[in-house]
Structures are given as C-alpha cells and as structure tokens.
C-alpha cells in the first residue's frame, strides 16, 4: 500500500471505540501509532461480528478525507511482525535461562554436602 497524502498535525482528531466493554480513544492527530508503511493499524480493536468506531474531530477538518480501508497485511507489515516475533522469542529464551530451577533432589544433595 503506497499513498501520498497529508495528515492533520493538530491534536484535534481521534478514533473512539470499545473493546471488552472498555472505552478506547486512539489519537489520530498527531499520529502516534503508525505502521512501518505509514498506516494507522486498528486491528487490535476489531472483533468478529459488529464493530463500531467514531472519528471525532474537534476542529475544522474539511480539507481532509478519512477512509477506513480493510486489507490483508502488507509485505512491510508482515516483515515488521516477523521481526517483532523473532525479538520476542529471543527475549523469552534469555529470560528462561534465568528462570530455570534445579530439581529439589539436587538442592538437597548440595546442602547435605556443605554440612
């Protein structure tokens, strides 16, 4: 997905939705959560079935057009996700190295040999 566009930079635009009964406000101007290919990913808020969103503007945004575009992940998004997963798996391996426990039997033998 490639698009040449401008985006409002004032703090007067947000997307409001609910997930699991909780209200969420996602700031859209200025953009905080942007994918590597300059999209706003709201997929974490999408559930099977009916979804409701409100785009709330608190100033004149008549120079802009906002479109919700559902699509399969782009190659850039998939690459970013694969990189994230790899870093996460490496982190899990590192933390597991610190969290391994010895069997109780081994600890007893060690304490008995010190006595």
PDB file of N, CA and C in Angstrom:
ATOM      1  N   UNK A   1       0.862  -1.160   0.000  1.00  0.00           N
ATOM      2  CA  UNK A   1       0.000   0.000   0.000  1.00  0.00           C
ATOM      3  C   UNK A   1       0.913   1.228   0.000  1.00  0.00           C
ATOM      4  N   UNK A   2       0.733   2.089  -0.965  1.00  0.00           N
ATOM      5  CA  UNK A   2       1.530   3.307  -1.045  1.00  0.00           C
ATOM      6  C   UNK A   2       0.587   4.460  -1.341  1.00  0.00           C
ATOM      7  N   UNK A   3       0.671   5.477  -0.516  1.00  0.00           N
ATOM      8  CA  UNK A   3      -0.198   6.625  -0.762  1.00  0.00           C
ATOM      9  C   UNK A   3       0.540   7.897  -0.429  1.00  0.00           C
ATOM     10  N   UNK A   4       0.360   8.894  -1.258  1.00  0.00           N
ATOM     11  CA  UNK A   4       0.878  10.222  -0.988  1.00  0.00           C
ATOM     12  C   UNK A   4      -0.261  11.019  -0.386  1.00  0.00           C
ATOM     13  N   UNK A   5      -0.101  11.424   0.851  1.00  0.00           N
ATOM     14  CA  UNK A   5      -1.169  12.174   1.467  1.00  0.00           C
ATOM     15  C   UNK A   5      -0.601  13.049   2.575  1.00  0.00           C
ATOM     16  N   UNK A   6      -1.378  13.993   2.961  1.00  0.00           N
ATOM     17  CA  UNK A   6      -1.011  14.794   4.126  1.00  0.00           C
ATOM     18  C   UNK A   6      -1.937  14.395   5.261  1.00  0.00           C
ATOM     19  N   UNK A   7      -1.511  14.627   6.456  1.00  0.00           N
ATOM     20  CA  UNK A   7      -2.273  14.234   7.620  1.00  0.00           C
ATOM     21  C   UNK A   7      -2.338  15.407   8.569  1.00  0.00           C
ATOM     22  N   UNK A   8      -3.476  15.646   9.194  1.00  0.00           N
ATOM     23  CA  UNK A   8      -3.551  16.773  10.125  1.00  0.00           C
ATOM     24  C   UNK A   8      -2.548  16.596  11.272  1.00  0.00           C
ATOM     25  N   UNK A   9      -1.962  17.680  11.705  1.00  0.00           N
ATOM     26  CA  UNK A   9      -0.969  17.592  12.775  1.00  0.00           C
ATOM     27  C   UNK A   9      -1.467  18.167  14.096  1.00  0.00           C
ATOM     28  N   UNK A  10      -2.623  18.819  14.078  1.00  0.00           N
ATOM     29  CA  UNK A  10      -3.171  19.333  15.332  1.00  0.00           C
ATOM     30  C   UNK A  10      -3.661  18.161  16.175  1.00  0.00           C
ATOM     31  N   UNK A  11      -3.836  18.363  17.454  1.00  0.00           N
ATOM     32  CA  UNK A  11      -4.290  17.299  18.341  1.00  0.00           C
ATOM     33  C   UNK A  11      -5.795  17.213  18.426  1.00  0.00           C
ATOM     34  N   UNK A  12      -6.470  17.484  17.339  1.00  0.00           N
ATOM     35  CA  UNK A  12      -7.929  17.591  17.372  1.00  0.00           C
ATOM     36  C   UNK A  12      -8.664  16.441  16.695  1.00  0.00           C
ATOM     37  N   UNK A  13      -8.010  15.310  16.493  1.00  0.00           N
ATOM     38  CA  UNK A  13      -8.650  14.199  15.791  1.00  0.00           C
ATOM     39  C   UNK A  13      -8.359  12.910  16.548  1.00  0.00           C
ATOM     40  N   UNK A  14      -9.404  12.116  16.771  1.00  0.00           N
ATOM     41  CA  UNK A  14      -9.213  10.841  17.464  1.00  0.00           C
ATOM     42  C   UNK A  14     -10.231   9.822  16.963  1.00  0.00           C
ATOM     43  N   UNK A  15      -9.936   8.577  17.222  1.00  0.00           N
ATOM     44  CA  UNK A  15     -10.842   7.483  16.901  1.00  0.00           C
ATOM     45  C   UNK A  15     -11.288   6.896  18.236  1.00  0.00           C
ATOM     46  N   UNK A  16     -12.589   6.761  18.419  1.00  0.00           N
ATOM     47  CA  UNK A  16     -13.114   6.220  19.671  1.00  0.00           C
ATOM     48  C   UNK A  16     -13.808   4.903  19.397  1.00  0.00           C
ATOM     49  N   UNK A  17     -13.568   3.932  20.263  1.00  0.00           N
ATOM     50  CA  UNK A  17     -14.174   2.615  20.117  1.00  0.00           C
ATOM     51  C   UNK A  17     -14.255   1.946  21.477  1.00  0.00           C
ATOM     52  N   UNK A  18     -14.858   0.787  21.520  1.00  0.00           N
ATOM     53  CA  UNK A  18     -14.942  -0.021  22.735  1.00  0.00           C
ATOM     54  C   UNK A  18     -14.364  -1.394  22.423  1.00  0.00           C
ATOM     55  N   UNK A  19     -13.724  -1.973  23.429  1.00  0.00           N
ATOM     56  CA  UNK A  19     -13.270  -3.358  23.322  1.00  0.00           C
ATOM     57  C   UNK A  19     -13.404  -3.981  24.693  1.00  0.00           C
ATOM     58  N   UNK A  20     -14.046  -5.110  24.757  1.00  0.00           N
ATOM     59  CA  UNK A  20     -14.266  -5.805  26.023  1.00  0.00           C
ATOM     60  C   UNK A  20     -14.914  -4.893  27.060  1.00  0.00           C
ATOM     61  N   UNK A  21     -15.847  -4.050  26.604  1.00  0.00           N
ATOM     62  CA  UNK A  21     -16.577  -3.169  27.495  1.00  0.00           C
ATOM     63  C   UNK A  21     -15.823  -1.922  27.946  1.00  0.00           C
ATOM     64  N   UNK A  22     -14.600  -1.741  27.484  1.00  0.00           N
ATOM     65  CA  UNK A  22     -13.806  -0.570  27.864  1.00  0.00           C
ATOM     66  C   UNK A  22     -13.737   0.412  26.705  1.00  0.00           C
ATOM     67  N   UNK A  23     -13.805   1.699  27.028  1.00  0.00           N
ATOM     68  CA  UNK A  23     -13.683   2.751  26.020  1.00  0.00           C
ATOM     69  C   UNK A  23     -12.214   2.984  25.692  1.00  0.00           C
ATOM     70  N   UNK A  24     -11.920   3.161  24.414  1.00  0.00           N
ATOM     71  CA  UNK A  24     -10.571   3.476  23.961  1.00  0.00           C
ATOM     72  C   UNK A  24     -10.623   4.709  23.087  1.00  0.00           C
ATOM     73  N   UNK A  25      -9.667   5.584  23.286  1.00  0.00           N
ATOM     74  CA  UNK A  25      -9.504   6.760  22.432  1.00  0.00           C
ATOM     75  C   UNK A  25      -8.108   6.670  21.823  1.00  0.00           C
ATOM     76  N   UNK A  26      -8.078   6.600  20.508  1.00  0.00           N
ATOM     77  CA  UNK A  26      -6.809   6.487  19.780  1.00  0.00           C
ATOM     78  C   UNK A  26      -6.532   7.825  19.119  1.00  0.00           C
ATOM     79  N   UNK A  27      -5.481   8.521  19.539  1.00  0.00           N
ATOM     80  CA  UNK A  27      -5.173   9.806  18.916  1.00  0.00           C
ATOM     81  C   UNK A  27      -4.774   9.610  17.450  1.00  0.00           C
ATOM     82  N   UNK A  28      -5.345  10.399  16.587  1.00  0.00           N
ATOM     83  CA  UNK A  28      -5.024  10.319  15.155  1.00  0.00           C
ATOM     84  C   UNK A  28      -4.268  11.546  14.663  1.00  0.00           C
ATOM     85  N   UNK A  29      -4.258  12.601  15.425  1.00  0.00           N
ATOM     86  CA  UNK A  29      -3.513  13.794  15.029  1.00  0.00           C
ATOM     87  C   UNK A  29      -3.011  14.469  16.305  1.00  0.00           C
ATOM     88  N   UNK A  30      -1.706  14.491  16.485  1.00  0.00           N
ATOM     89  CA  UNK A  30      -0.697  13.869  15.629  1.00  0.00           C
ATOM     90  C   UNK A  30      -0.719  12.351  15.765  1.00  0.00           C
ATOM     91  N   UNK A  31      -0.278  11.675  14.716  1.00  0.00           N
ATOM     92  CA  UNK A  31      -0.265  10.216  14.710  1.00  0.00           C
ATOM     93  C   UNK A  31       0.766   9.703  15.708  1.00  0.00           C
ATOM     94  N   UNK A  32       0.345   8.762  16.519  1.00  0.00           N
ATOM     95  CA  UNK A  32       1.256   8.147  17.483  1.00  0.00           C
ATOM     96  C   UNK A  32       1.526   6.700  17.096  1.00  0.00           C
ATOM     97  N   UNK A  33       0.476   5.974  16.732  1.00  0.00           N
ATOM     98  CA  UNK A  33       0.592   4.566  16.386  1.00  0.00           C
ATOM     99  C   UNK A  33       0.537   4.415  14.871  1.00  0.00           C
ATOM    100  N   UNK A  34       1.693   4.306  14.245  1.00  0.00           N
ATOM    101  CA  UNK A  34       1.774   4.234  12.788  1.00  0.00           C
ATOM    102  C   UNK A  34       2.541   2.969  12.412  1.00  0.00           C
ATOM    103  N   UNK A  35       2.037   2.262  11.408  1.00  0.00           N
ATOM    104  CA  UNK A  35       2.728   1.070  10.928  1.00  0.00           C
ATOM    105  C   UNK A  35       3.952   1.485  10.112  1.00  0.00           C
ATOM    106  N   UNK A  36       4.837   0.544   9.822  1.00  0.00           N
ATOM    107  CA  UNK A  36       6.035   0.887   9.034  1.00  0.00           C
ATOM    108  C   UNK A  36       5.721   1.484   7.662  1.00  0.00           C
ATOM    109  N   UNK A  37       4.524   1.206   7.115  1.00  0.00           N
ATOM    110  CA  UNK A  37       4.189   1.790   5.820  1.00  0.00           C
ATOM    111  C   UNK A  37       3.175   2.928   5.966  1.00  0.00           C
ATOM    112  N   UNK A  38       3.216   3.584   7.123  1.00  0.00           N
ATOM    113  CA  UNK A  38       2.503   4.836   7.360  1.00  0.00           C
ATOM    114  C   UNK A  38       0.980   4.696   7.413  1.00  0.00           C
ATOM    115  N   UNK A  39       0.507   3.584   7.940  1.00  0.00           N
ATOM    116  CA  UNK A  39      -0.929   3.380   8.144  1.00  0.00           C
ATOM    117  C   UNK A  39      -1.229   3.440   9.637  1.00  0.00           C
ATOM    118  N   UNK A  40      -2.476   3.610   9.959  1.00  0.00           N
ATOM    119  CA  UNK A  40      -2.919   3.532  11.346  1.00  0.00           C
ATOM    120  C   UNK A  40      -3.583   2.173  11.508  1.00  0.00           C
ATOM    121  N   UNK A  41      -2.987   1.309  12.296  1.00  0.00           N
ATOM    122  CA  UNK A  41      -3.487  -0.054  12.451  1.00  0.00           C
ATOM    123  C   UNK A  41      -4.423  -0.118  13.644  1.00  0.00           C
ATOM    124  N   UNK A  42      -5.688  -0.408  13.390  1.00  0.00           N
ATOM    125  CA  UNK A  42      -6.663  -0.538  14.472  1.00  0.00           C
ATOM    126  C   UNK A  42      -7.126  -1.986  14.610  1.00  0.00           C
ATOM    127  N   UNK A  43      -6.369  -2.915  14.031  1.00  0.00           N
ATOM    128  CA  UNK A  43      -6.799  -4.313  14.020  1.00  0.00           C
ATOM    129  C   UNK A  43      -6.946  -4.900  15.417  1.00  0.00           C
ATOM    130  N   UNK A  44      -6.199  -4.407  16.386  1.00  0.00           N
ATOM    131  CA  UNK A  44      -6.312  -4.915  17.750  1.00  0.00           C
ATOM    132  C   UNK A  44      -7.698  -4.660  18.332  1.00  0.00           C
ATOM    133  N   UNK A  45      -8.425  -3.697  17.775  1.00  0.00           N
ATOM    134  CA  UNK A  45      -9.753  -3.369  18.265  1.00  0.00           C
ATOM    135  C   UNK A  45     -10.866  -4.068  17.488  1.00  0.00           C
ATOM    136  N   UNK A  46     -10.522  -4.819  16.447  1.00  0.00           N
ATOM    137  CA  UNK A  46     -11.509  -5.483  15.594  1.00  0.00           C
ATOM    138  C   UNK A  46     -11.823  -6.859  16.159  1.00  0.00           C
ATOM    139  N   UNK A  47     -13.072  -7.171  16.237  1.00  0.00           N
ATOM    140  CA  UNK A  47     -13.530  -8.483  16.667  1.00  0.00           C
ATOM    141  C   UNK A  47     -14.475  -9.033  15.607  1.00  0.00           C
ATOM    142  N   UNK A  48     -14.643 -10.325  15.605  1.00  0.00           N
ATOM    143  CA  UNK A  48     -15.596 -10.941  14.696  1.00  0.00           C
ATOM    144  C   UNK A  48     -16.984 -10.416  15.030  1.00  0.00           C
ATOM    145  N   UNK A  49     -17.737 -10.069  14.018  1.00  0.00           N
ATOM    146  CA  UNK A  49     -19.073  -9.535  14.237  1.00  0.00           C
ATOM    147  C   UNK A  49     -19.100  -8.028  14.058  1.00  0.00           C
ATOM    148  N   UNK A  50     -19.993  -7.396  14.768  1.00  0.00           N
ATOM    149  CA  UNK A  50     -20.189  -5.956  14.617  1.00  0.00           C
ATOM    150  C   UNK A  50     -19.123  -5.176  15.374  1.00  0.00           C
ATOM    151  N   UNK A  51     -18.580  -4.148  14.729  1.00  0.00           N
ATOM    152  CA  UNK A  51     -17.606  -3.242  15.327  1.00  0.00           C
ATOM    153  C   UNK A  51     -18.099  -1.819  15.104  1.00  0.00           C
ATOM    154  N   UNK A  52     -17.902  -0.965  16.084  1.00  0.00           N
ATOM    155  CA  UNK A  52     -18.344   0.426  15.957  1.00  0.00           C
ATOM    156  C   UNK A  52     -17.194   1.360  16.316  1.00  0.00           C
ATOM    157  N   UNK A  53     -17.006   2.382  15.476  1.00  0.00           N
ATOM    158  CA  UNK A  53     -15.959   3.379  15.669  1.00  0.00           C
ATOM    159  C   UNK A  53     -16.542   4.751  15.423  1.00  0.00           C
ATOM    160  N   UNK A  54     -15.984   5.716  16.095  1.00  0.00           N
ATOM    161  CA  UNK A  54     -16.328   7.114  15.823  1.00  0.00           C
ATOM    162  C   UNK A  54     -15.039   7.875  15.586  1.00  0.00           C
ATOM    163  N   UNK A  55     -14.983   8.606  14.486  1.00  0.00           N
ATOM    164  CA  UNK A  55     -13.868   9.522  14.257  1.00  0.00           C
ATOM    165  C   UNK A  55     -14.341  10.877  14.764  1.00  0.00           C
ATOM    166  N   UNK A  56     -13.645  11.391  15.755  1.00  0.00           N
ATOM    167  CA  UNK A  56     -14.058  12.625  16.407  1.00  0.00           C
ATOM    168  C   UNK A  56     -13.083  13.733  16.046  1.00  0.00           C
ATOM    169  N   UNK A  57     -13.610  14.775  15.441  1.00  0.00           N
ATOM    170  CA  UNK A  57     -12.793  15.941  15.105  1.00  0.00           C
ATOM    171  C   UNK A  57     -13.261  17.113  15.948  1.00  0.00           C
ATOM    172  N   UNK A  58     -12.316  17.822  16.509  1.00  0.00           N
ATOM    173  CA  UNK A  58     -12.662  18.943  17.371  1.00  0.00           C
ATOM    174  C   UNK A  58     -12.278  20.280  16.759  1.00  0.00           C
ATOM    175  N   UNK A  59     -11.943  20.238  15.497  1.00  0.00           N
ATOM    176  CA  UNK A  59     -11.684  21.467  14.740  1.00  0.00           C
ATOM    177  C   UNK A  59     -12.048  21.192  13.283  1.00  0.00           C
ATOM    178  N   UNK A  60     -11.969  22.194  12.450  1.00  0.00           N
ATOM    179  CA  UNK A  60     -12.350  22.059  11.046  1.00  0.00           C
ATOM    180  C   UNK A  60     -11.373  21.141  10.314  1.00  0.00           C
ATOM    181  N   UNK A  61     -11.854  20.019   9.842  1.00  0.00           N
ATOM    182  CA  UNK A  61     -11.042  19.064   9.085  1.00  0.00           C
ATOM    183  C   UNK A  61     -11.617  18.896   7.686  1.00  0.00           C
ATOM    184  N   UNK A  62     -12.304  19.891   7.190  1.00  0.00           N
ATOM    185  CA  UNK A  62     -12.974  19.783   5.896  1.00  0.00           C
ATOM    186  C   UNK A  62     -11.987  19.688   4.729  1.00  0.00           C
ATOM    187  N   UNK A  63     -10.710  19.962   4.958  1.00  0.00           N
ATOM    188  CA  UNK A  63      -9.702  19.800   3.908  1.00  0.00           C
ATOM    189  C   UNK A  63      -9.218  18.360   3.794  1.00  0.00           C
ATOM    190  N   UNK A  64      -9.710  17.484   4.668  1.00  0.00           N
ATOM    191  CA  UNK A  64      -9.244  16.102   4.707  1.00  0.00           C
ATOM    192  C   UNK A  64     -10.392  15.142   4.440  1.00  0.00           C
ATOM    193  N   UNK A  65     -10.037  13.946   3.947  1.00  0.00           N
ATOM    194  CA  UNK A  65     -10.985  12.865   3.785  1.00  0.00           C
ATOM    195  C   UNK A  65     -10.391  11.663   4.517  1.00  0.00           C
ATOM    196  N   UNK A  66     -11.174  11.052   5.380  1.00  0.00           N
ATOM    197  CA  UNK A  66     -10.715   9.905   6.153  1.00  0.00           C
ATOM    198  C   UNK A  66     -11.435   8.663   5.673  1.00  0.00           C
ATOM    199  N   UNK A  67     -10.664   7.619   5.427  1.00  0.00           N
ATOM    200  CA  UNK A  67     -11.207   6.385   4.866  1.00  0.00           C
ATOM    201  C   UNK A  67     -10.750   5.214   5.730  1.00  0.00           C
ATOM    202  N   UNK A  68     -11.671   4.348   6.080  1.00  0.00           N
ATOM    203  CA  UNK A  68     -11.323   3.104   6.750  1.00  0.00           C
ATOM    204  C   UNK A  68     -11.160   2.053   5.658  1.00  0.00           C
ATOM    205  N   UNK A  69      -9.965   1.515   5.554  1.00  0.00           N
ATOM    206  CA  UNK A  69      -9.654   0.574   4.475  1.00  0.00           C
ATOM    207  C   UNK A  69      -9.214  -0.747   5.100  1.00  0.00           C
ATOM    208  N   UNK A  70     -10.025  -1.780   4.942  1.00  0.00           N
ATOM    209  CA  UNK A  70      -9.675  -3.104   5.448  1.00  0.00           C
ATOM    210  C   UNK A  70      -8.879  -3.839   4.377  1.00  0.00           C
ATOM    211  N   UNK A  71      -7.760  -4.437   4.773  1.00  0.00           N
ATOM    212  CA  UNK A  71      -6.904  -5.136   3.816  1.00  0.00           C
ATOM    213  C   UNK A  71      -6.116  -6.219   4.524  1.00  0.00           C
ATOM    214  N   UNK A  72      -5.572  -7.120   3.739  1.00  0.00           N
ATOM    215  CA  UNK A  72      -4.643  -8.110   4.280  1.00  0.00           C
ATOM    216  C   UNK A  72      -3.351  -7.374   4.630  1.00  0.00           C
ATOM    217  N   UNK A  73      -2.579  -7.891   5.576  1.00  0.00           N
ATOM    218  CA  UNK A  73      -1.325  -7.215   5.922  1.00  0.00           C
ATOM    219  C   UNK A  73      -0.422  -7.047   4.698  1.00  0.00           C
ATOM    220  N   UNK A  74       0.217  -5.895   4.633  1.00  0.00           N
ATOM    221  CA  UNK A  74       1.137  -5.615   3.534  1.00  0.00           C
ATOM    222  C   UNK A  74       2.459  -6.337   3.796  1.00  0.00           C
ATOM    223  N   UNK A  75       3.302  -6.503   2.781  1.00  0.00           N
ATOM    224  CA  UNK A  75       4.616  -7.130   2.997  1.00  0.00           C
ATOM    225  C   UNK A  75       5.431  -6.407   4.071  1.00  0.00           C
ATOM    226  N   UNK A  76       5.364  -5.093   4.115  1.00  0.00           N
ATOM    227  CA  UNK A  76       6.104  -4.337   5.127  1.00  0.00           C
ATOM    228  C   UNK A  76       5.567  -4.656   6.522  1.00  0.00           C
ATOM    229  N   UNK A  77       4.251  -4.728   6.660  1.00  0.00           N
ATOM    230  CA  UNK A  77       3.655  -5.062   7.955  1.00  0.00           C
ATOM    231  C   UNK A  77       4.020  -6.487   8.372  1.00  0.00           C
ATOM    232  N   UNK A  78       4.003  -7.424   7.440  1.00  0.00           N
ATOM    233  CA  UNK A  78       4.371  -8.806   7.755  1.00  0.00           C
ATOM    234  C   UNK A  78       5.836  -8.900   8.157  1.00  0.00           C
ATOM    235  N   UNK A  79       6.699  -8.173   7.485  1.00  0.00           N
ATOM    236  CA  UNK A  79       8.116  -8.159   7.825  1.00  0.00           C
ATOM    237  C   UNK A  79       8.340  -7.590   9.226  1.00  0.00           C
ATOM    238  N   UNK A  80       7.634  -6.513   9.532  1.00  0.00           N
ATOM    239  CA  UNK A  80       7.740  -5.904  10.855  1.00  0.00           C
ATOM    240  C   UNK A  80       7.258  -6.884  11.930  1.00  0.00           C
ATOM    241  N   UNK A  81       6.154  -7.589  11.672  1.00  0.00           N
ATOM    242  CA  UNK A  81       5.625  -8.558  12.617  1.00  0.00           C
ATOM    243  C   UNK A  81       6.610  -9.709  12.816  1.00  0.00           C
ATOM    244  N   UNK A  82       7.207 -10.190  11.738  1.00  0.00           N
ATOM    245  CA  UNK A  82       8.183 -11.282  11.845  1.00  0.00           C
ATOM    246  C   UNK A  82       9.388 -10.838  12.682  1.00  0.00           C
ATOM    247  N   UNK A  83       9.837  -9.615  12.482  1.00  0.00           N
ATOM    248  CA  UNK A  83      10.951  -9.080  13.262  1.00  0.00           C
ATOM    249  C   UNK A  83      10.582  -8.987  14.737  1.00  0.00           C
ATOM    250  N   UNK A  84       9.382  -8.509  15.018  1.00  0.00           N
ATOM    251  CA  UNK A  84       8.915  -8.409  16.400  1.00  0.00           C
ATOM    252  C   UNK A  84       8.855  -9.796  17.047  1.00  0.00           C
ATOM    253  N   UNK A  85       8.292 -10.760  16.331  1.00  0.00           N
ATOM    254  CA  UNK A  85       8.184 -12.120  16.874  1.00  0.00           C
ATOM    255  C   UNK A  85       9.558 -12.712  17.152  1.00  0.00           C
ATOM    256  N   UNK A  86      10.509 -12.475  16.264  1.00  0.00           N
ATOM    257  CA  UNK A  86      11.862 -13.002  16.454  1.00  0.00           C
ATOM    258  C   UNK A  86      12.497 -12.400  17.709  1.00  0.00           C
ATOM    259  N   UNK A  87      12.368 -11.071  17.876  1.00  0.00           N
ATOM    260  CA  UNK A  87      12.923 -10.425  19.073  1.00  0.00           C
ATOM    261  C   UNK A  87      12.231 -10.946  20.329  1.00  0.00           C
ATOM    262  N   UNK A  88      10.919 -11.150  20.243  1.00  0.00           N
ATOM    263  CA  UNK A  88      10.181 -11.664  21.398  1.00  0.00           C
ATOM    264  C   UNK A  88      10.652 -13.079  21.756  1.00  0.00           C
ATOM    265  N   UNK A  89      10.818 -13.936  20.754  1.00  0.00           N
ATOM    266  CA  UNK A  89      11.286 -15.307  21.009  1.00  0.00           C
ATOM    267  C   UNK A  89      12.680 -15.297  21.621  1.00  0.00           C
ATOM    268  N   UNK A  90      13.563 -14.417  21.144  1.00  0.00           N
ATOM    269  CA  UNK A  90      14.909 -14.309  21.713  1.00  0.00           C
ATOM    270  C   UNK A  90      14.842 -13.856  23.165  1.00  0.00           C
ATOM    271  N   UNK A  91      13.957 -12.910  23.454  1.00  0.00           N
ATOM    272  CA  UNK A  91      13.799 -12.426  24.822  1.00  0.00           C
ATOM    273  C   UNK A  91      13.293 -13.549  25.735  1.00  0.00           C
ATOM    274  N   UNK A  92      12.347 -14.344  25.244  1.00  0.00           N
ATOM    275  CA  UNK A  92      11.824 -15.454  26.033  1.00  0.00           C
ATOM    276  C   UNK A  92      12.941 -16.452  26.335  1.00  0.00           C
ATOM    277  N   UNK A  93      13.784 -16.745  25.360  1.00  0.00           N
ATOM    278  CA  UNK A  93      14.905 -17.669  25.579  1.00  0.00           C
ATOM    279  C   UNK A  93      15.855 -17.125  26.638  1.00  0.00           C
ATOM    280  N   UNK A  94      16.156 -15.842  26.570  1.00  0.00           N
ATOM    281  CA  UNK A  94      17.067 -15.227  27.541  1.00  0.00           C
ATOM    282  C   UNK A  94      16.467 -15.295  28.944  1.00  0.00           C
ATOM    283  N   UNK A  95      15.207 -14.937  29.069  1.00  0.00           N
ATOM    284  CA  UNK A  95      14.594 -14.932  30.405  1.00  0.00           C
ATOM    285  C   UNK A  95      14.438 -16.348  30.949  1.00  0.00           C
ATOM    286  N   UNK A  96      14.219 -17.317  30.093  1.00  0.00           N
ATOM    287  CA  UNK A  96      14.121 -18.706  30.571  1.00  0.00           C
ATOM    288  C   UNK A  96      15.448 -19.174  31.153  1.00  0.00           C
ATOM    289  N   UNK A  97      16.555 -18.693  30.600  1.00  0.00           N
ATOM    290  CA  UNK A  97      17.867 -19.082  31.109  1.00  0.00           C
ATOM    291  C   UNK A  97      18.032 -18.641  32.559  1.00  0.00           C
ATOM    292  N   UNK A  98      17.408 -17.544  32.937  1.00  0.00           N
ATOM    293  CA  UNK A  98      17.490 -17.055  34.311  1.00  0.00           C
ATOM    294  C   UNK A  98      16.449 -17.701  35.220  1.00  0.00           C
ATOM    295  N   UNK A  99      15.468 -18.326  34.647  1.00  0.00           N
ATOM    296  CA  UNK A  99      14.345 -18.837  35.433  1.00  0.00           C
ATOM    297  C   UNK A  99      14.331 -20.350  35.554  1.00  0.00           C
ATOM    298  N   UNK A 100      15.368 -21.020  35.111  1.00  0.00           N
ATOM    299  CA  UNK A 100      15.360 -22.475  35.227  1.00  0.00           C
ATOM    300  C   UNK A 100      15.596 -22.858  36.676  1.00  0.00           C
ATOM    301  N   UNK A 101      14.895 -23.858  37.120  1.00  0.00           N
ATOM    302  CA  UNK A 101      15.052 -24.299  38.505  1.00  0.00           C
ATOM    303  C   UNK A 101      15.690 -25.675  38.525  1.00  0.00           C
ATOM    304  N   UNK A 102      16.459 -25.912  39.581  1.00  0.00           N
ATOM    305  CA  UNK A 102      17.066 -27.220  39.740  1.00  0.00           C
ATOM    306  C   UNK A 102      16.077 -28.126  40.450  1.00  0.00           C
ATOM    307  N   UNK A 103      16.123 -29.400  40.158  1.00  0.00           N
ATOM    308  CA  UNK A 103      15.254 -30.322  40.890  1.00  0.00           C
ATOM    309  C   UNK A 103      15.572 -30.265  42.384  1.00  0.00           C
ATOM    310  N   UNK A 104      14.579 -30.437  43.213  1.00  0.00           N
ATOM    311  CA  UNK A 104      14.751 -30.377  44.661  1.00  0.00           C
ATOM    312  C   UNK A 104      15.802 -31.364  45.133  1.00  0.00           C
ATOM    313  N   UNK A 105      15.860 -32.511  44.516  1.00  0.00           N
ATOM    314  CA  UNK A 105      16.830 -33.550  44.870  1.00  0.00           C
ATOM    315  C   UNK A 105      18.249 -32.999  44.808  1.00  0.00           C
ATOM    316  N   UNK A 106      18.568 -32.291  43.762  1.00  0.00           N
ATOM    317  CA  UNK A 106      19.899 -31.726  43.573  1.00  0.00           C
ATOM    318  C   UNK A 106      20.221 -30.703  44.657  1.00  0.00           C
ATOM    319  N   UNK A 107      19.255 -29.896  45.042  1.00  0.00           N
ATOM    320  CA  UNK A 107      19.473 -28.896  46.084  1.00  0.00           C
ATOM    321  C   UNK A 107      19.712 -29.557  47.437  1.00  0.00           C
ATOM    322  N   UNK A 108      18.996 -30.628  47.714  1.00  0.00           N
ATOM    323  CA  UNK A 108      19.201 -31.349  48.982  1.00  0.00           C
ATOM    324  C   UNK A 108      20.610 -31.919  49.054  1.00  0.00           C
ATOM    325  N   UNK A 109      21.068 -32.518  47.968  1.00  0.00           N
ATOM    326  CA  UNK A 109      22.408 -33.112  47.955  1.00  0.00           C
ATOM    327  C   UNK A 109      23.455 -32.022  48.197  1.00  0.00           C
ATOM    328  N   UNK A 110      23.255 -30.862  47.585  1.00  0.00           N
ATOM    329  CA  UNK A 110      24.194 -29.764  47.741  1.00  0.00           C
ATOM    330  C   UNK A 110      24.250 -29.275  49.192  1.00  0.00           C
ATOM    331  N   UNK A 111      23.097 -29.147  49.831  1.00  0.00           N
ATOM    332  CA  UNK A 111      23.066 -28.658  51.221  1.00  0.00           C
ATOM    333  C   UNK A 111      23.638 -29.705  52.177  1.00  0.00           C
ATOM    334  N   UNK A 112      23.427 -30.987  51.861  1.00  0.00           N
ATOM    335  CA  UNK A 112      23.985 -32.045  52.713  1.00  0.00           C
ATOM    336  C   UNK A 112      25.497 -32.107  52.590  1.00  0.00           C
ATOM    337  N   UNK A 113      26.016 -31.835  51.404  1.00  0.00           N
ATOM    338  CA  UNK A 113      27.471 -31.905  51.221  1.00  0.00           C
ATOM    339  C   UNK A 113      28.181 -30.731  51.901  1.00  0.00           C
ATOM    340  N   UNK A 114      27.471 -29.646  52.134  1.00  0.00           N
ATOM    341  CA  UNK A 114      28.044 -28.485  52.803  1.00  0.00           C
ATOM    342  C   UNK A 114      28.067 -28.675  54.327  1.00  0.00           C
ATOM    343  N   UNK A 115      27.232 -29.585  54.837  1.00  0.00           N
ATOM    344  CA  UNK A 115      27.128 -29.769  56.295  1.00  0.00           C
ATOM    345  C   UNK A 115      28.255 -30.569  56.858  1.00  0.00           C
TER     346      UNK A 115
END
